[in-house]
């Protein structure tokens, strides 16, 4: 599979009440080609709206894929991957890095009533997680055996795996769009948090 010419990676960085989103447009060769920022509420239900607003604000018709760092940023402000895909008109996939029994137990512990019901509906609407083995030729000995996990909409599992693996640079575990977005989100939070 040919890598997408440009991927928008979206990552989140939280303070007490606000999460800063950063979107990094990264070319197939790993070059940063644009940045955008947005905010959402920690513990809220507006992460998907914020990701859509970020995409719209960037105005980058040349973006071919959208990758997000996980599905539950900003303390369980769950992303609706299908709604995000429909809004941006691009394949969307969420990447995570750890084995997990799923979020239902944690959601039940943190929420109840309507807040829990809404989050469970969103969580259950997500596509299943697919394990993606690392490209051993592009990994260090310490991370070669550590898989990635993806949930994808608008793109099949094999294409998603190839896109994610193809954008991981030697010596790193995250794909370049998500690695750069995470750095930018953290820097944005630090720069905008009142002291």
C-alpha atoms as a PDB file:
ATOM      1  CA  UNK A   1       0.000   0.000   0.000  1.00  0.00           C
ATOM      2  CA  UNK A   2       1.179   3.508  -0.795  1.00  0.00           C
ATOM      3  CA  UNK A   3       1.191   5.713   2.301  1.00  0.00           C
ATOM      4  CA  UNK A   4      -1.316   8.569   2.321  1.00  0.00           C
ATOM      5  CA  UNK A   5       0.317  11.757   1.020  1.00  0.00           C
ATOM      6  CA  UNK A   6      -0.700  13.584   4.211  1.00  0.00           C
ATOM      7  CA  UNK A   7      -2.110  12.352   7.495  1.00  0.00           C
ATOM      8  CA  UNK A   8      -3.637  14.526  10.189  1.00  0.00           C
ATOM      9  CA  UNK A   9      -2.642  13.223  13.606  1.00  0.00           C
ATOM     10  CA  UNK A  10      -4.734  14.480  16.535  1.00  0.00           C
ATOM     11  CA  UNK A  11      -3.569  14.198  20.149  1.00  0.00           C
ATOM     12  CA  UNK A  12      -4.814  15.635  23.437  1.00  0.00           C
ATOM     13  CA  UNK A  13      -3.139  17.081  26.534  1.00  0.00           C
ATOM     14  CA  UNK A  14      -5.231  17.730  29.662  1.00  0.00           C
ATOM     15  CA  UNK A  15      -5.132  20.157  32.529  1.00  0.00           C
ATOM     16  CA  UNK A  16      -7.777  20.156  35.269  1.00  0.00           C
ATOM     17  CA  UNK A  17     -10.730  21.300  33.163  1.00  0.00           C
ATOM     18  CA  UNK A  18      -9.570  21.763  29.586  1.00  0.00           C
ATOM     19  CA  UNK A  19      -7.893  19.460  27.118  1.00  0.00           C
ATOM     20  CA  UNK A  20      -5.796  20.973  24.349  1.00  0.00           C
ATOM     21  CA  UNK A  21      -6.007  19.228  20.992  1.00  0.00           C
ATOM     22  CA  UNK A  22      -3.216  19.551  18.496  1.00  0.00           C
ATOM     23  CA  UNK A  23      -3.510  18.458  14.909  1.00  0.00           C
ATOM     24  CA  UNK A  24      -0.289  17.777  13.023  1.00  0.00           C
ATOM     25  CA  UNK A  25      -0.440  17.414   9.246  1.00  0.00           C
ATOM     26  CA  UNK A  26       2.452  15.136   8.328  1.00  0.00           C
ATOM     27  CA  UNK A  27       3.571  14.122   4.846  1.00  0.00           C
ATOM     28  CA  UNK A  28       4.331  10.507   3.949  1.00  0.00           C
ATOM     29  CA  UNK A  29       8.055  11.235   4.291  1.00  0.00           C
ATOM     30  CA  UNK A  30       7.519  12.326   7.916  1.00  0.00           C
ATOM     31  CA  UNK A  31       7.800  16.068   7.304  1.00  0.00           C
ATOM     32  CA  UNK A  32       5.537  18.319   9.358  1.00  0.00           C
ATOM     33  CA  UNK A  33       3.322  20.293   6.995  1.00  0.00           C
ATOM     34  CA  UNK A  34       0.903  22.121   9.296  1.00  0.00           C
ATOM     35  CA  UNK A  35      -0.398  22.516  12.840  1.00  0.00           C
ATOM     36  CA  UNK A  36      -3.758  23.431  14.318  1.00  0.00           C
ATOM     37  CA  UNK A  37      -5.206  23.653  17.814  1.00  0.00           C
ATOM     38  CA  UNK A  38      -8.578  23.335  19.529  1.00  0.00           C
ATOM     39  CA  UNK A  39      -9.934  22.646  23.018  1.00  0.00           C
ATOM     40  CA  UNK A  40     -12.475  20.358  24.636  1.00  0.00           C
ATOM     41  CA  UNK A  41     -13.718  19.734  28.163  1.00  0.00           C
ATOM     42  CA  UNK A  42     -12.064  17.247  30.496  1.00  0.00           C
ATOM     43  CA  UNK A  43     -14.824  14.794  31.439  1.00  0.00           C
ATOM     44  CA  UNK A  44     -17.171  16.259  28.824  1.00  0.00           C
ATOM     45  CA  UNK A  45     -18.707  14.940  25.638  1.00  0.00           C
ATOM     46  CA  UNK A  46     -17.290  17.426  23.128  1.00  0.00           C
ATOM     47  CA  UNK A  47     -14.061  15.749  21.941  1.00  0.00           C
ATOM     48  CA  UNK A  48     -15.567  14.716  18.591  1.00  0.00           C
ATOM     49  CA  UNK A  49     -16.882  18.225  17.953  1.00  0.00           C
ATOM     50  CA  UNK A  50     -13.461  19.642  18.807  1.00  0.00           C
ATOM     51  CA  UNK A  51     -11.705  17.243  16.420  1.00  0.00           C
ATOM     52  CA  UNK A  52     -14.127  18.189  13.635  1.00  0.00           C
ATOM     53  CA  UNK A  53     -13.596  21.908  14.350  1.00  0.00           C
ATOM     54  CA  UNK A  54      -9.829  21.371  14.258  1.00  0.00           C
ATOM     55  CA  UNK A  55     -10.039  19.649  10.878  1.00  0.00           C
ATOM     56  CA  UNK A  56     -12.307  22.393   9.513  1.00  0.00           C
ATOM     57  CA  UNK A  57     -10.104  25.189  10.848  1.00  0.00           C
ATOM     58  CA  UNK A  58      -7.029  23.690   9.157  1.00  0.00           C
ATOM     59  CA  UNK A  59      -8.829  23.715   5.794  1.00  0.00           C
ATOM     60  CA  UNK A  60      -6.503  21.067   4.411  1.00  0.00           C
ATOM     61  CA  UNK A  61      -8.188  19.294   1.528  1.00  0.00           C
ATOM     62  CA  UNK A  62      -4.913  17.458   0.880  1.00  0.00           C
ATOM     63  CA  UNK A  63      -5.191  15.412   4.104  1.00  0.00           C
ATOM     64  CA  UNK A  64      -5.979  11.800   3.176  1.00  0.00           C
ATOM     65  CA  UNK A  65      -6.255  10.088   6.604  1.00  0.00           C
ATOM     66  CA  UNK A  66      -7.073  11.232  10.128  1.00  0.00           C
ATOM     67  CA  UNK A  67      -5.393   9.398  13.022  1.00  0.00           C
ATOM     68  CA  UNK A  68      -6.341  10.042  16.638  1.00  0.00           C
ATOM     69  CA  UNK A  69      -4.459   9.103  19.784  1.00  0.00           C
ATOM     70  CA  UNK A  70      -6.873   6.731  21.477  1.00  0.00           C
ATOM     71  CA  UNK A  71     -10.639   6.870  21.834  1.00  0.00           C
ATOM     72  CA  UNK A  72     -11.061   8.250  25.368  1.00  0.00           C
ATOM     73  CA  UNK A  73      -9.100  11.483  25.673  1.00  0.00           C
ATOM     74  CA  UNK A  74      -9.837  14.160  28.258  1.00  0.00           C
ATOM     75  CA  UNK A  75     -11.003  11.752  30.964  1.00  0.00           C
ATOM     76  CA  UNK A  76     -13.468   9.646  28.986  1.00  0.00           C
ATOM     77  CA  UNK A  77     -14.568  12.371  26.551  1.00  0.00           C
ATOM     78  CA  UNK A  78     -15.115   9.570  24.040  1.00  0.00           C
ATOM     79  CA  UNK A  79     -14.520  10.081  20.337  1.00  0.00           C
ATOM     80  CA  UNK A  80     -17.271   9.038  17.941  1.00  0.00           C
ATOM     81  CA  UNK A  81     -15.113   7.715  15.111  1.00  0.00           C
ATOM     82  CA  UNK A  82     -17.958   7.210  12.612  1.00  0.00           C
ATOM     83  CA  UNK A  83     -19.284  10.734  13.158  1.00  0.00           C
ATOM     84  CA  UNK A  84     -15.766  12.128  12.777  1.00  0.00           C
ATOM     85  CA  UNK A  85     -15.277  10.158   9.553  1.00  0.00           C
ATOM     86  CA  UNK A  86     -18.626  11.351   8.181  1.00  0.00           C
ATOM     87  CA  UNK A  87     -17.811  14.978   9.011  1.00  0.00           C
ATOM     88  CA  UNK A  88     -14.309  15.024   7.523  1.00  0.00           C
ATOM     89  CA  UNK A  89     -14.930  12.668   4.612  1.00  0.00           C
ATOM     90  CA  UNK A  90     -11.679  10.779   5.230  1.00  0.00           C
ATOM     91  CA  UNK A  91     -10.736   7.420   6.749  1.00  0.00           C
ATOM     92  CA  UNK A  92     -10.312   7.768  10.514  1.00  0.00           C
ATOM     93  CA  UNK A  93      -8.461   5.479  12.879  1.00  0.00           C
ATOM     94  CA  UNK A  94      -7.654   5.558  16.565  1.00  0.00           C
ATOM     95  CA  UNK A  95      -4.300   4.175  17.687  1.00  0.00           C
ATOM     96  CA  UNK A  96      -3.484   2.897  21.163  1.00  0.00           C
ATOM     97  CA  UNK A  97      -0.417   1.202  22.576  1.00  0.00           C
ATOM     98  CA  UNK A  98      -1.529  -1.095  25.396  1.00  0.00           C
ATOM     99  CA  UNK A  99      -3.481  -4.323  25.753  1.00  0.00           C
ATOM    100  CA  UNK A 100      -6.813  -3.586  27.386  1.00  0.00           C
ATOM    101  CA  UNK A 101      -9.835  -5.511  28.628  1.00  0.00           C
ATOM    102  CA  UNK A 102     -11.958  -2.582  27.414  1.00  0.00           C
ATOM    103  CA  UNK A 103     -13.305   0.602  28.939  1.00  0.00           C
ATOM    104  CA  UNK A 104     -16.695  -0.548  30.236  1.00  0.00           C
ATOM    105  CA  UNK A 105     -15.498  -1.314  33.788  1.00  0.00           C
ATOM    106  CA  UNK A 106     -13.705   2.047  34.061  1.00  0.00           C
ATOM    107  CA  UNK A 107     -16.720   3.895  32.647  1.00  0.00           C
ATOM    108  CA  UNK A 108     -19.031   2.203  35.154  1.00  0.00           C
ATOM    109  CA  UNK A 109     -16.677   3.182  37.965  1.00  0.00           C
ATOM    110  CA  UNK A 110     -16.445   6.833  36.909  1.00  0.00           C
ATOM    111  CA  UNK A 111     -20.021   7.595  35.788  1.00  0.00           C
ATOM    112  CA  UNK A 112     -23.634   6.704  36.402  1.00  0.00           C
ATOM    113  CA  UNK A 113     -27.065   7.609  35.055  1.00  0.00           C
ATOM    114  CA  UNK A 114     -27.309   9.476  31.762  1.00  0.00           C
ATOM    115  CA  UNK A 115     -23.583  10.293  31.707  1.00  0.00           C
ATOM    116  CA  UNK A 116     -22.771   6.575  31.831  1.00  0.00           C
ATOM    117  CA  UNK A 117     -25.482   5.605  29.324  1.00  0.00           C
ATOM    118  CA  UNK A 118     -24.253   8.155  26.778  1.00  0.00           C
ATOM    119  CA  UNK A 119     -20.646   7.027  27.090  1.00  0.00           C
ATOM    120  CA  UNK A 120     -21.564   3.344  26.887  1.00  0.00           C
ATOM    121  CA  UNK A 121     -23.581   4.002  23.714  1.00  0.00           C
ATOM    122  CA  UNK A 122     -20.605   5.792  22.160  1.00  0.00           C
ATOM    123  CA  UNK A 123     -18.139   3.131  23.297  1.00  0.00           C
ATOM    124  CA  UNK A 124     -20.285   0.255  22.009  1.00  0.00           C
ATOM    125  CA  UNK A 125     -20.660   1.993  18.633  1.00  0.00           C
ATOM    126  CA  UNK A 126     -16.916   1.887  18.008  1.00  0.00           C
ATOM    127  CA  UNK A 127     -15.381  -0.655  15.648  1.00  0.00           C
ATOM    128  CA  UNK A 128     -13.419  -3.470  17.295  1.00  0.00           C
ATOM    129  CA  UNK A 129      -9.762  -3.032  18.189  1.00  0.00           C
ATOM    130  CA  UNK A 130      -7.359  -4.771  15.839  1.00  0.00           C
ATOM    131  CA  UNK A 131      -3.843  -5.726  16.881  1.00  0.00           C
ATOM    132  CA  UNK A 132      -1.134  -4.434  14.539  1.00  0.00           C
ATOM    133  CA  UNK A 133       2.262  -6.055  14.799  1.00  0.00           C
ATOM    134  CA  UNK A 134       5.241  -3.762  14.541  1.00  0.00           C
ATOM    135  CA  UNK A 135       7.439  -3.626  11.461  1.00  0.00           C
ATOM    136  CA  UNK A 136      10.545  -5.265  12.934  1.00  0.00           C
ATOM    137  CA  UNK A 137      12.819  -3.723  10.304  1.00  0.00           C
ATOM    138  CA  UNK A 138      11.788  -0.278  11.573  1.00  0.00           C
ATOM    139  CA  UNK A 139      11.971  -0.980  15.321  1.00  0.00           C
ATOM    140  CA  UNK A 140      14.595  -1.087  18.009  1.00  0.00           C
ATOM    141  CA  UNK A 141      15.104  -4.345  19.869  1.00  0.00           C
ATOM    142  CA  UNK A 142      13.212  -2.994  22.891  1.00  0.00           C
ATOM    143  CA  UNK A 143      10.024  -2.079  21.024  1.00  0.00           C
ATOM    144  CA  UNK A 144       9.906  -4.607  18.165  1.00  0.00           C
ATOM    145  CA  UNK A 145       7.623  -6.956  20.067  1.00  0.00           C
ATOM    146  CA  UNK A 146       5.223  -4.240  21.254  1.00  0.00           C
ATOM    147  CA  UNK A 147       2.106  -4.179  19.073  1.00  0.00           C
ATOM    148  CA  UNK A 148      -0.140  -1.245  18.307  1.00  0.00           C
ATOM    149  CA  UNK A 149      -3.931  -1.414  18.411  1.00  0.00           C
ATOM    150  CA  UNK A 150      -6.261   0.346  16.003  1.00  0.00           C
ATOM    151  CA  UNK A 151      -9.964   0.981  15.531  1.00  0.00           C
ATOM    152  CA  UNK A 152     -10.765   2.167  12.023  1.00  0.00           C
ATOM    153  CA  UNK A 153     -13.704   3.483  10.018  1.00  0.00           C
ATOM    154  CA  UNK A 154     -13.722   4.114   6.296  1.00  0.00           C
ATOM    155  CA  UNK A 155     -10.652   1.935   5.701  1.00  0.00           C
ATOM    156  CA  UNK A 156     -10.014  -1.787   6.007  1.00  0.00           C
ATOM    157  CA  UNK A 157      -7.809  -3.337   8.687  1.00  0.00           C
ATOM    158  CA  UNK A 158      -4.908  -4.213   6.364  1.00  0.00           C
ATOM    159  CA  UNK A 159      -4.711  -0.698   4.901  1.00  0.00           C
ATOM    160  CA  UNK A 160      -4.914   0.804   8.380  1.00  0.00           C
ATOM    161  CA  UNK A 161      -2.121  -1.433   9.644  1.00  0.00           C
ATOM    162  CA  UNK A 162       0.078  -0.535   6.672  1.00  0.00           C
ATOM    163  CA  UNK A 163      -0.579   3.204   7.113  1.00  0.00           C
ATOM    164  CA  UNK A 164       0.151   3.120  10.836  1.00  0.00           C
ATOM    165  CA  UNK A 165       3.273   0.953  10.487  1.00  0.00           C
ATOM    166  CA  UNK A 166       4.534   2.988   7.550  1.00  0.00           C
ATOM    167  CA  UNK A 167       4.478   6.231   9.526  1.00  0.00           C
ATOM    168  CA  UNK A 168       6.417   4.935  12.551  1.00  0.00           C
ATOM    169  CA  UNK A 169       9.986   6.194  12.324  1.00  0.00           C
ATOM    170  CA  UNK A 170      12.960   4.155  13.479  1.00  0.00           C
ATOM    171  CA  UNK A 171      13.421   4.332  17.229  1.00  0.00           C
ATOM    172  CA  UNK A 172       9.879   5.508  17.960  1.00  0.00           C
ATOM    173  CA  UNK A 173       6.703   3.680  18.933  1.00  0.00           C
ATOM    174  CA  UNK A 174       4.116   6.221  17.772  1.00  0.00           C
ATOM    175  CA  UNK A 175       3.391   7.053  14.180  1.00  0.00           C
ATOM    176  CA  UNK A 176       4.902  10.381  13.217  1.00  0.00           C
ATOM    177  CA  UNK A 177       1.591  12.314  12.932  1.00  0.00           C
ATOM    178  CA  UNK A 178       0.565  11.226  16.444  1.00  0.00           C
ATOM    179  CA  UNK A 179       4.025  11.702  17.935  1.00  0.00           C
ATOM    180  CA  UNK A 180       4.262  15.276  16.648  1.00  0.00           C
ATOM    181  CA  UNK A 181       0.644  16.026  17.607  1.00  0.00           C
ATOM    182  CA  UNK A 182       1.291  14.816  21.175  1.00  0.00           C
ATOM    183  CA  UNK A 183       4.353  17.063  21.501  1.00  0.00           C
ATOM    184  CA  UNK A 184       2.406  20.031  20.117  1.00  0.00           C
ATOM    185  CA  UNK A 185      -0.633  19.388  22.365  1.00  0.00           C
ATOM    186  CA  UNK A 186       1.565  19.243  25.450  1.00  0.00           C
ATOM    187  CA  UNK A 187       3.446  22.404  24.478  1.00  0.00           C
ATOM    188  CA  UNK A 188       0.153  24.184  23.748  1.00  0.00           C
ATOM    189  CA  UNK A 189      -1.245  23.190  27.147  1.00  0.00           C
ATOM    190  CA  UNK A 190       1.896  24.354  28.929  1.00  0.00           C
ATOM    191  CA  UNK A 191       1.920  27.652  27.025  1.00  0.00           C
ATOM    192  CA  UNK A 192      -1.745  28.435  27.661  1.00  0.00           C
ATOM    193  CA  UNK A 193      -2.253  27.168  31.208  1.00  0.00           C
ATOM    194  CA  UNK A 194      -2.498  30.004  33.674  1.00  0.00           C
ATOM    195  CA  UNK A 195       0.096  29.816  36.402  1.00  0.00           C
END
